[in-house]
Amino acid sequence: MREIPGMRRRLLRGRRRGGRSVLLDAALTCATEWRWPVLPGVGARQGRGGAAHCDCPQPDCSVPGAHPFEPVLLAATTDARMVRWWWTNRPSAPVILATGGRAPCAVSLPAAAGAEAVAELERAGVRLGPVVAHPERWALLVAPYSLPELGELLYSQDWVPGSLRFHGEGGYLALPPSATGAGPVHWERAPRAERDGGPWLPRVETVVEALVEASAGTPGGGTRLSY
């Protein structure tokens, strides 16, 4: 794996006492206890004026620091040896979940709409799974779904907001406690492991309707797109 110039010094700051990376612990939990495939993110750096810039070659990266670079997304793994190697060499690299397949999928929307949707779901007595809070967007982790399943679900809605994003097969999501160019990532609702070791996840159809409604009436929710 190629070393990005200047990155190694920055990433060494993420070590605990004794040389253990906090992010390594998180990556190992995902990979070995929950069986979620992960890989390191590219990371970000502070530029002049305090603005964050992605360490990838794209000057206008839309998700600075919060995406895979090298290795590519297909390299995501649950192998503990590979995870230890990655985060021993890059202890401050964001933890990137490769969504879909047997791994969790996610539905995300702008942070204000996400907070309203989570509150609405809880008022309705809907059991939520893990909720990831990025500075600009919130993501609700859900059970794996296929593209045909998602298509049928969206077709059944009268409309969906353009700001609603679906992270399925071939997608990715930065997990806590990653630091990205937009700011830190944290658990708004932490994963709770079931008896089989993996966190419980709701089905996507359970949460989509509430997310659509929350996006409609919340600033930053996005415009309506007819289907």
C-alpha atoms as a PDB file:
ATOM      1  CA  MET A   1       0.000   0.000   0.000  1.00  0.00           C
ATOM      2  CA  ARG A   2       1.514   3.326  -1.047  1.00  0.00           C
ATOM      3  CA  GLU A   3       2.313   5.848   1.664  1.00  0.00           C
ATOM      4  CA  ILE A   4       0.874   9.293   0.997  1.00  0.00           C
ATOM      5  CA  PRO A   5       3.596  11.960   1.538  1.00  0.00           C
ATOM      6  CA  GLY A   6       3.277  13.707   4.892  1.00  0.00           C
ATOM      7  CA  MET A   7       0.382  11.545   6.090  1.00  0.00           C
ATOM      8  CA  ARG A   8       2.313   9.204   8.382  1.00  0.00           C
ATOM      9  CA  ARG A   9       3.392  11.993  10.763  1.00  0.00           C
ATOM     10  CA  ARG A  10      -0.182  13.285  11.083  1.00  0.00           C
ATOM     11  CA  LEU A  11      -1.665   9.866  11.643  1.00  0.00           C
ATOM     12  CA  LEU A  12       0.740   8.980  14.440  1.00  0.00           C
ATOM     13  CA  ARG A  13      -1.140  11.463  16.637  1.00  0.00           C
ATOM     14  CA  GLY A  14      -4.042   9.052  17.030  1.00  0.00           C
ATOM     15  CA  ARG A  15      -2.267   6.635  19.376  1.00  0.00           C
ATOM     16  CA  ARG A  16      -3.248   5.796  22.925  1.00  0.00           C
ATOM     17  CA  ARG A  17      -0.670   5.354  25.629  1.00  0.00           C
ATOM     18  CA  GLY A  18       1.182   2.156  24.965  1.00  0.00           C
ATOM     19  CA  GLY A  19       0.944   2.620  21.205  1.00  0.00           C
ATOM     20  CA  ARG A  20      -2.629   1.384  20.709  1.00  0.00           C
ATOM     21  CA  SER A  21      -4.807   3.378  18.323  1.00  0.00           C
ATOM     22  CA  VAL A  22      -8.343   4.277  19.434  1.00  0.00           C
ATOM     23  CA  LEU A  23      -9.415   3.839  15.834  1.00  0.00           C
ATOM     24  CA  LEU A  24      -7.740   0.428  15.685  1.00  0.00           C
ATOM     25  CA  ASP A  25      -9.912  -0.670  18.600  1.00  0.00           C
ATOM     26  CA  ALA A  26     -13.019   0.561  16.781  1.00  0.00           C
ATOM     27  CA  ALA A  27     -11.992  -1.109  13.517  1.00  0.00           C
ATOM     28  CA  LEU A  28     -11.291  -4.421  15.283  1.00  0.00           C
ATOM     29  CA  THR A  29     -14.673  -4.312  17.022  1.00  0.00           C
ATOM     30  CA  CYS A  30     -16.425  -3.795  13.695  1.00  0.00           C
ATOM     31  CA  ALA A  31     -14.422  -6.438  11.873  1.00  0.00           C
ATOM     32  CA  THR A  32     -14.031  -9.227  14.414  1.00  0.00           C
ATOM     33  CA  GLU A  33     -16.981  -8.863  16.810  1.00  0.00           C
ATOM     34  CA  TRP A  34     -19.660  -7.583  14.424  1.00  0.00           C
ATOM     35  CA  ARG A  35     -18.257  -9.005  11.145  1.00  0.00           C
ATOM     36  CA  TRP A  36     -18.557  -5.665   9.361  1.00  0.00           C
ATOM     37  CA  PRO A  37     -15.950  -5.266   6.568  1.00  0.00           C
ATOM     38  CA  VAL A  38     -13.843  -2.147   7.065  1.00  0.00           C
ATOM     39  CA  LEU A  39     -10.838  -0.400   5.574  1.00  0.00           C
ATOM     40  CA  PRO A  40      -8.957   2.838   6.328  1.00  0.00           C
ATOM     41  CA  GLY A  41     -10.086   6.154   4.935  1.00  0.00           C
ATOM     42  CA  VAL A  42      -7.820   8.583   3.166  1.00  0.00           C
ATOM     43  CA  GLY A  43      -7.858  11.197   5.929  1.00  0.00           C
ATOM     44  CA  ALA A  44      -7.790  14.995   5.770  1.00  0.00           C
ATOM     45  CA  ARG A  45      -5.434  17.824   6.649  1.00  0.00           C
ATOM     46  CA  GLN A  46      -5.889  21.377   7.835  1.00  0.00           C
ATOM     47  CA  GLY A  47      -5.031  23.952   5.227  1.00  0.00           C
ATOM     48  CA  ARG A  48      -4.520  27.682   5.442  1.00  0.00           C
ATOM     49  CA  GLY A  49      -7.239  29.490   7.325  1.00  0.00           C
ATOM     50  CA  GLY A  50      -8.270  26.298   9.128  1.00  0.00           C
ATOM     51  CA  ALA A  51     -10.097  24.803   6.150  1.00  0.00           C
ATOM     52  CA  ALA A  52      -9.879  21.020   5.843  1.00  0.00           C
ATOM     53  CA  HIS A  53      -8.600  19.425   2.672  1.00  0.00           C
ATOM     54  CA  CYS A  54      -8.824  15.790   1.643  1.00  0.00           C
ATOM     55  CA  ASP A  55      -5.571  13.889   1.215  1.00  0.00           C
ATOM     56  CA  CYS A  56      -6.811  12.449  -2.079  1.00  0.00           C
ATOM     57  CA  PRO A  57      -5.761  14.050  -5.393  1.00  0.00           C
ATOM     58  CA  GLN A  58      -9.191  15.649  -5.983  1.00  0.00           C
ATOM     59  CA  PRO A  59      -9.083  19.364  -5.092  1.00  0.00           C
ATOM     60  CA  ASP A  60     -12.887  19.548  -4.805  1.00  0.00           C
ATOM     61  CA  CYS A  61     -13.515  16.253  -2.964  1.00  0.00           C
ATOM     62  CA  SER A  62     -17.134  16.157  -1.754  1.00  0.00           C
ATOM     63  CA  VAL A  63     -16.400  13.982   1.307  1.00  0.00           C
ATOM     64  CA  PRO A  64     -12.916  15.112   2.432  1.00  0.00           C
ATOM     65  CA  GLY A  65     -11.146  12.444   4.447  1.00  0.00           C
ATOM     66  CA  ALA A  66     -14.228  10.237   4.690  1.00  0.00           C
ATOM     67  CA  HIS A  67     -13.702   7.828   1.802  1.00  0.00           C
ATOM     68  CA  PRO A  68     -11.355   4.983   0.828  1.00  0.00           C
ATOM     69  CA  PHE A  69      -8.258   5.802  -1.190  1.00  0.00           C
ATOM     70  CA  GLU A  70      -5.680   3.032  -1.061  1.00  0.00           C
ATOM     71  CA  PRO A  71      -6.580   0.218  -0.759  1.00  0.00           C
ATOM     72  CA  VAL A  72      -9.752   0.407  -2.813  1.00  0.00           C
ATOM     73  CA  LEU A  73     -13.207  -0.345  -1.407  1.00  0.00           C
ATOM     74  CA  LEU A  74     -13.089  -3.977  -2.556  1.00  0.00           C
ATOM     75  CA  ALA A  75     -10.249  -4.577  -0.101  1.00  0.00           C
ATOM     76  CA  ALA A  76     -12.571  -4.078   2.908  1.00  0.00           C
ATOM     77  CA  THR A  77     -12.156  -7.031   5.242  1.00  0.00           C
ATOM     78  CA  THR A  78     -13.053  -8.618   8.560  1.00  0.00           C
ATOM     79  CA  ASP A  79      -9.572 -10.135   8.894  1.00  0.00           C
ATOM     80  CA  ALA A  80      -8.024  -9.013  12.193  1.00  0.00           C
ATOM     81  CA  ARG A  81      -4.431  -9.287  10.938  1.00  0.00           C
ATOM     82  CA  MET A  82      -5.088  -6.965   8.008  1.00  0.00           C
ATOM     83  CA  VAL A  83      -6.991  -4.499  10.186  1.00  0.00           C
ATOM     84  CA  ARG A  84      -4.143  -4.396  12.714  1.00  0.00           C
ATOM     85  CA  TRP A  85      -1.606  -3.845   9.937  1.00  0.00           C
ATOM     86  CA  TRP A  86      -3.574  -0.969   8.426  1.00  0.00           C
ATOM     87  CA  TRP A  87      -4.167   0.931  11.666  1.00  0.00           C
ATOM     88  CA  THR A  88      -0.732   0.195  13.122  1.00  0.00           C
ATOM     89  CA  ASN A  89       0.710   2.002  10.128  1.00  0.00           C
ATOM     90  CA  ARG A  90      -2.019   4.652   9.991  1.00  0.00           C
ATOM     91  CA  PRO A  91      -3.477   4.948  13.505  1.00  0.00           C
ATOM     92  CA  SER A  92      -5.538   8.076  12.761  1.00  0.00           C
ATOM     93  CA  ALA A  93      -7.107   6.832   9.532  1.00  0.00           C
ATOM     94  CA  PRO A  94     -10.917   7.062   9.511  1.00  0.00           C
ATOM     95  CA  VAL A  95     -12.780   3.756   9.837  1.00  0.00           C
ATOM     96  CA  ILE A  96     -14.707   3.157   6.614  1.00  0.00           C
ATOM     97  CA  LEU A  97     -17.527   0.606   6.490  1.00  0.00           C
ATOM     98  CA  ALA A  98     -18.118  -1.071   3.114  1.00  0.00           C
ATOM     99  CA  THR A  99     -21.925  -1.213   3.011  1.00  0.00           C
ATOM    100  CA  GLY A 100     -24.082  -3.881   1.410  1.00  0.00           C
ATOM    101  CA  GLY A 101     -23.667  -7.574   0.808  1.00  0.00           C
ATOM    102  CA  ARG A 102     -23.768  -9.136   4.272  1.00  0.00           C
ATOM    103  CA  ALA A 103     -22.758  -5.848   5.884  1.00  0.00           C
ATOM    104  CA  PRO A 104     -25.169  -3.180   7.106  1.00  0.00           C
ATOM    105  CA  CYS A 105     -26.617  -0.700   4.663  1.00  0.00           C
ATOM    106  CA  ALA A 106     -27.564   2.847   5.616  1.00  0.00           C
ATOM    107  CA  VAL A 107     -29.968   5.665   4.848  1.00  0.00           C
ATOM    108  CA  SER A 108     -28.691   9.197   5.390  1.00  0.00           C
ATOM    109  CA  LEU A 109     -30.051  12.738   5.241  1.00  0.00           C
ATOM    110  CA  PRO A 110     -28.989  16.222   6.355  1.00  0.00           C
ATOM    111  CA  ALA A 111     -28.294  16.533  10.064  1.00  0.00           C
ATOM    112  CA  ALA A 112     -31.313  18.700  10.957  1.00  0.00           C
ATOM    113  CA  ALA A 113     -33.710  16.383   9.137  1.00  0.00           C
ATOM    114  CA  GLY A 114     -31.934  13.374  10.609  1.00  0.00           C
ATOM    115  CA  ALA A 115     -32.395  14.586  14.160  1.00  0.00           C
ATOM    116  CA  GLU A 116     -36.103  15.186  13.524  1.00  0.00           C
ATOM    117  CA  ALA A 117     -36.513  11.772  11.889  1.00  0.00           C
ATOM    118  CA  VAL A 118     -34.854   9.953  14.782  1.00  0.00           C
ATOM    119  CA  ALA A 119     -37.080  11.802  17.263  1.00  0.00           C
ATOM    120  CA  GLU A 120     -40.170  10.998  15.169  1.00  0.00           C
ATOM    121  CA  LEU A 121     -39.298   7.318  14.944  1.00  0.00           C
ATOM    122  CA  GLU A 122     -38.734   7.101  18.689  1.00  0.00           C
ATOM    123  CA  ARG A 123     -42.039   8.874  19.405  1.00  0.00           C
ATOM    124  CA  ALA A 124     -43.731   6.296  17.210  1.00  0.00           C
ATOM    125  CA  GLY A 125     -42.126   3.471  19.192  1.00  0.00           C
ATOM    126  CA  VAL A 126     -39.974   2.294  16.285  1.00  0.00           C
ATOM    127  CA  ARG A 127     -36.921   0.366  17.405  1.00  0.00           C
ATOM    128  CA  LEU A 128     -33.828   1.991  15.941  1.00  0.00           C
ATOM    129  CA  GLY A 129     -30.464   0.484  15.219  1.00  0.00           C
ATOM    130  CA  PRO A 130     -27.170   2.401  15.271  1.00  0.00           C
ATOM    131  CA  VAL A 131     -27.296   6.056  14.183  1.00  0.00           C
ATOM    132  CA  VAL A 132     -24.104   7.697  12.933  1.00  0.00           C
ATOM    133  CA  ALA A 133     -23.885  11.474  13.285  1.00  0.00           C
ATOM    134  CA  HIS A 134     -21.616  13.238  10.821  1.00  0.00           C
ATOM    135  CA  PRO A 135     -21.339  17.020  11.169  1.00  0.00           C
ATOM    136  CA  GLU A 136     -23.438  17.538   8.032  1.00  0.00           C
ATOM    137  CA  ARG A 137     -25.475  14.327   7.764  1.00  0.00           C
ATOM    138  CA  TRP A 138     -26.959  11.618   9.961  1.00  0.00           C
ATOM    139  CA  ALA A 139     -27.060   7.997   8.828  1.00  0.00           C
ATOM    140  CA  LEU A 140     -29.344   5.260  10.137  1.00  0.00           C
ATOM    141  CA  LEU A 141     -27.842   1.795   9.772  1.00  0.00           C
ATOM    142  CA  VAL A 142     -30.286  -0.809   8.510  1.00  0.00           C
ATOM    143  CA  ALA A 143     -30.250  -4.487   7.592  1.00  0.00           C
ATOM    144  CA  PRO A 144     -28.745  -5.323   4.175  1.00  0.00           C
ATOM    145  CA  TYR A 145     -31.073  -4.699   1.241  1.00  0.00           C
ATOM    146  CA  SER A 146     -30.788  -5.362  -2.469  1.00  0.00           C
ATOM    147  CA  LEU A 147     -31.234  -2.838  -5.263  1.00  0.00           C
ATOM    148  CA  PRO A 148     -34.506  -4.479  -6.421  1.00  0.00           C
ATOM    149  CA  GLU A 149     -35.859  -4.276  -2.861  1.00  0.00           C
ATOM    150  CA  LEU A 150     -34.881  -0.627  -2.628  1.00  0.00           C
ATOM    151  CA  GLY A 151     -36.424   0.125  -6.017  1.00  0.00           C
ATOM    152  CA  GLU A 152     -39.764  -1.371  -5.012  1.00  0.00           C
ATOM    153  CA  LEU A 153     -39.724   0.542  -1.748  1.00  0.00           C
ATOM    154  CA  LEU A 154     -39.051   3.889  -3.416  1.00  0.00           C
ATOM    155  CA  TYR A 155     -41.642   3.209  -6.114  1.00  0.00           C
ATOM    156  CA  SER A 156     -44.281   2.777  -3.427  1.00  0.00           C
ATOM    157  CA  GLN A 157     -43.625   6.310  -2.137  1.00  0.00           C
ATOM    158  CA  ASP A 158     -45.444   9.271  -3.691  1.00  0.00           C
ATOM    159  CA  TRP A 159     -42.179  11.200  -3.602  1.00  0.00           C
ATOM    160  CA  VAL A 160     -38.760  11.151  -1.965  1.00  0.00           C
ATOM    161  CA  PRO A 161     -36.509  14.111  -1.139  1.00  0.00           C
ATOM    162  CA  GLY A 162     -33.408  14.585  -3.227  1.00  0.00           C
ATOM    163  CA  SER A 163     -31.339  14.869  -0.049  1.00  0.00           C
ATOM    164  CA  LEU A 164     -32.104  11.284   1.019  1.00  0.00           C
ATOM    165  CA  ARG A 165     -29.168   8.989   0.215  1.00  0.00           C
ATOM    166  CA  PHE A 166     -28.953   5.224   0.271  1.00  0.00           C
ATOM    167  CA  HIS A 167     -25.702   3.442   1.087  1.00  0.00           C
ATOM    168  CA  GLY A 168     -26.026  -0.078  -0.260  1.00  0.00           C
ATOM    169  CA  GLU A 169     -23.908  -2.500  -2.271  1.00  0.00           C
ATOM    170  CA  GLY A 170     -20.726  -0.742  -3.388  1.00  0.00           C
ATOM    171  CA  GLY A 171     -21.223   2.138  -0.949  1.00  0.00           C
ATOM    172  CA  TYR A 172     -19.350   3.215   2.143  1.00  0.00           C
ATOM    173  CA  LEU A 173     -19.776   5.173   5.352  1.00  0.00           C
ATOM    174  CA  ALA A 174     -17.286   6.636   7.846  1.00  0.00           C
ATOM    175  CA  LEU A 175     -17.849   5.241  11.344  1.00  0.00           C
ATOM    176  CA  PRO A 176     -17.022   6.677  14.793  1.00  0.00           C
ATOM    177  CA  PRO A 177     -14.678   7.777  16.180  1.00  0.00           C
ATOM    178  CA  SER A 178     -13.318   8.922  12.826  1.00  0.00           C
ATOM    179  CA  ALA A 179     -12.225  12.492  12.176  1.00  0.00           C
ATOM    180  CA  THR A 180     -13.087  13.791   8.713  1.00  0.00           C
ATOM    181  CA  GLY A 181     -12.614  17.027   6.851  1.00  0.00           C
ATOM    182  CA  ALA A 182     -16.106  18.115   7.923  1.00  0.00           C
ATOM    183  CA  GLY A 183     -15.438  17.296  11.581  1.00  0.00           C
ATOM    184  CA  PRO A 184     -15.670  14.342  13.994  1.00  0.00           C
ATOM    185  CA  VAL A 185     -18.070  11.429  13.584  1.00  0.00           C
ATOM    186  CA  HIS A 186     -19.895  10.010  16.611  1.00  0.00           C
ATOM    187  CA  TRP A 187     -22.643   7.568  17.549  1.00  0.00           C
ATOM    188  CA  GLU A 188     -25.944   9.363  18.107  1.00  0.00           C
ATOM    189  CA  ARG A 189     -27.385   5.939  18.937  1.00  0.00           C
ATOM    190  CA  ALA A 190     -24.643   3.457  19.791  1.00  0.00           C
ATOM    191  CA  PRO A 191     -24.753  -0.129  18.473  1.00  0.00           C
ATOM    192  CA  ARG A 192     -26.099  -2.696  20.891  1.00  0.00           C
ATOM    193  CA  ALA A 193     -24.773  -6.184  20.302  1.00  0.00           C
ATOM    194  CA  GLU A 194     -27.222  -9.075  20.236  1.00  0.00           C
ATOM    195  CA  ARG A 195     -26.476 -12.532  21.583  1.00  0.00           C
ATOM    196  CA  ASP A 196     -24.900 -13.571  18.278  1.00  0.00           C
ATOM    197  CA  GLY A 197     -22.413 -10.712  18.605  1.00  0.00           C
ATOM    198  CA  GLY A 198     -23.686  -8.317  15.930  1.00  0.00           C
ATOM    199  CA  PRO A 199     -25.743  -5.175  16.571  1.00  0.00           C
ATOM    200  CA  TRP A 200     -29.448  -5.355  15.800  1.00  0.00           C
ATOM    201  CA  LEU A 201     -30.498  -3.576  12.584  1.00  0.00           C
ATOM    202  CA  PRO A 202     -34.007  -2.539  11.462  1.00  0.00           C
ATOM    203  CA  ARG A 203     -35.299  -3.240   7.976  1.00  0.00           C
ATOM    204  CA  VAL A 204     -35.033  -0.317   5.562  1.00  0.00           C
ATOM    205  CA  GLU A 205     -38.785  -0.070   4.973  1.00  0.00           C
ATOM    206  CA  THR A 206     -39.290   0.485   8.695  1.00  0.00           C
ATOM    207  CA  VAL A 207     -37.468   3.803   8.626  1.00  0.00           C
ATOM    208  CA  VAL A 208     -37.837   5.219   5.108  1.00  0.00           C
ATOM    209  CA  GLU A 209     -41.366   6.628   5.475  1.00  0.00           C
ATOM    210  CA  ALA A 210     -40.434   8.572   8.616  1.00  0.00           C
ATOM    211  CA  LEU A 211     -37.261   9.832   6.956  1.00  0.00           C
ATOM    212  CA  VAL A 212     -39.219  11.061   3.942  1.00  0.00           C
ATOM    213  CA  GLU A 213     -41.714  12.911   6.125  1.00  0.00           C
ATOM    214  CA  ALA A 214     -38.996  14.448   8.293  1.00  0.00           C
ATOM    215  CA  SER A 215     -37.107  15.649   5.234  1.00  0.00           C
ATOM    216  CA  ALA A 216     -40.245  17.306   3.831  1.00  0.00           C
ATOM    217  CA  GLY A 217     -40.756  19.705   6.704  1.00  0.00           C
ATOM    218  CA  THR A 218     -37.233  20.302   7.924  1.00  0.00           C
ATOM    219  CA  PRO A 219     -34.869  23.055   6.702  1.00  0.00           C
ATOM    220  CA  GLY A 220     -32.134  21.429   4.662  1.00  0.00           C
ATOM    221  CA  GLY A 221     -34.290  18.422   3.923  1.00  0.00           C
ATOM    222  CA  GLY A 222     -34.044  18.895   0.200  1.00  0.00           C
ATOM    223  CA  THR A 223     -36.500  19.247  -2.621  1.00  0.00           C
ATOM    224  CA  ARG A 224     -39.213  16.761  -3.488  1.00  0.00           C
ATOM    225  CA  LEU A 225     -38.548  14.473  -6.419  1.00  0.00           C
ATOM    226  CA  SER A 226     -41.565  12.754  -7.942  1.00  0.00           C
ATOM    227  CA  TYR A 227     -41.355   9.007  -8.643  1.00  0.00           C
END
